[in-house]
């Protein structure tokens, strides 16, 4: 990602041990998939596909992921969650 910068801001509503464990899982999956995906939307869709089978019903994660391409002067933003 030469000339590019990325920003990932996740949030989870459940503020207990379960919420912390889910956030660690989401962070790990994101770090694994982000370099392999082509853009912000593709990345959050891939992360969602991986985490939905492991998160219990009723729990969700909101996030914003932005990729700034300084050479093209573009900013791609994906807003996901509720």
Protein backbone atom coordinates (compact mmCIF):
# COMPACT_ATOMS: atom_id res chain seq x y z
CA UNK A 1 0.00 0.00 0.00
CA UNK A 2 2.60 2.53 -1.07
CA UNK A 3 1.20 6.05 -0.96
CA UNK A 4 -1.85 4.76 0.89
CA UNK A 5 -3.08 4.99 4.46
CA UNK A 6 -5.88 3.05 6.13
CA UNK A 7 -8.01 3.72 9.21
CA UNK A 8 -10.18 1.08 10.94
CA UNK A 9 -12.53 2.21 13.73
CA UNK A 10 -14.61 -0.63 15.22
CA UNK A 11 -17.17 -0.41 18.02
CA UNK A 12 -19.15 -3.01 19.94
CA UNK A 13 -22.10 -2.35 22.23
CA UNK A 14 -21.53 -5.20 24.72
CA UNK A 15 -18.96 -3.92 27.24
CA UNK A 16 -17.98 -7.08 29.07
CA UNK A 17 -15.58 -10.00 28.64
CA UNK A 18 -17.63 -11.43 25.75
CA UNK A 19 -17.53 -8.07 23.95
CA UNK A 20 -13.77 -7.83 24.46
CA UNK A 21 -13.28 -11.34 23.06
CA UNK A 22 -15.39 -10.54 20.01
CA UNK A 23 -13.43 -7.33 19.41
CA UNK A 24 -10.14 -9.23 19.57
CA UNK A 25 -11.52 -11.74 17.06
CA UNK A 26 -12.72 -8.96 14.72
CA UNK A 27 -9.36 -7.20 14.93
CA UNK A 28 -7.49 -10.41 14.13
CA UNK A 29 -9.73 -11.27 11.18
CA UNK A 30 -9.48 -7.70 9.87
CA UNK A 31 -5.67 -7.71 10.10
CA UNK A 32 -5.57 -11.05 8.28
CA UNK A 33 -7.92 -10.05 5.45
CA UNK A 34 -7.24 -6.33 4.82
CA UNK A 35 -3.95 -6.83 2.94
CA UNK A 36 -5.58 -9.44 0.68
CA UNK A 37 -8.67 -7.44 -0.25
CA UNK A 38 -8.83 -4.79 -2.94
CA UNK A 39 -10.73 -2.03 -1.17
CA UNK A 40 -12.66 -0.91 1.88
CA UNK A 41 -16.02 -2.42 0.88
CA UNK A 42 -14.47 -5.73 -0.15
CA UNK A 43 -12.60 -5.88 3.16
CA UNK A 44 -15.58 -5.27 5.43
CA UNK A 45 -17.68 -7.77 3.47
CA UNK A 46 -14.94 -10.40 3.86
CA UNK A 47 -14.58 -9.65 7.59
CA UNK A 48 -18.35 -9.89 8.03
CA UNK A 49 -18.44 -13.25 6.24
CA UNK A 50 -15.78 -14.63 8.59
CA UNK A 51 -17.12 -13.32 11.90
CA UNK A 52 -20.89 -13.85 11.53
CA UNK A 53 -20.66 -17.58 12.11
CA UNK A 54 -18.78 -17.04 15.40
CA UNK A 55 -20.78 -14.21 16.97
CA UNK A 56 -23.81 -15.14 19.01
CA UNK A 57 -27.24 -13.98 17.90
CA UNK A 58 -28.06 -10.41 18.91
CA UNK A 59 -24.43 -9.27 19.11
CA UNK A 60 -23.02 -7.02 16.40
CA UNK A 61 -20.00 -4.91 15.59
CA UNK A 62 -20.14 -1.51 13.93
CA UNK A 63 -17.13 -0.12 12.11
CA UNK A 64 -15.83 2.45 9.69
CA UNK A 65 -12.93 1.55 7.41
CA UNK A 66 -11.32 4.19 5.21
CA UNK A 67 -8.49 3.92 2.70
CA UNK A 68 -6.75 7.09 1.57
CA UNK A 69 -4.81 6.90 -1.70
CA UNK A 70 -2.54 9.94 -1.69
CA UNK A 71 -1.33 9.38 -5.24
CA UNK A 72 -4.87 9.29 -6.70
CA UNK A 73 -6.31 11.77 -4.18
CA UNK A 74 -9.17 9.40 -3.31
CA UNK A 75 -10.76 8.28 -0.08
CA UNK A 76 -12.81 5.08 -0.02
CA UNK A 77 -15.02 4.69 3.05
CA UNK A 78 -17.06 1.68 4.14
CA UNK A 79 -19.49 2.18 7.04
CA UNK A 80 -20.87 -1.05 8.42
CA UNK A 81 -22.97 -2.21 11.33
CA UNK A 82 -26.08 -0.54 12.69
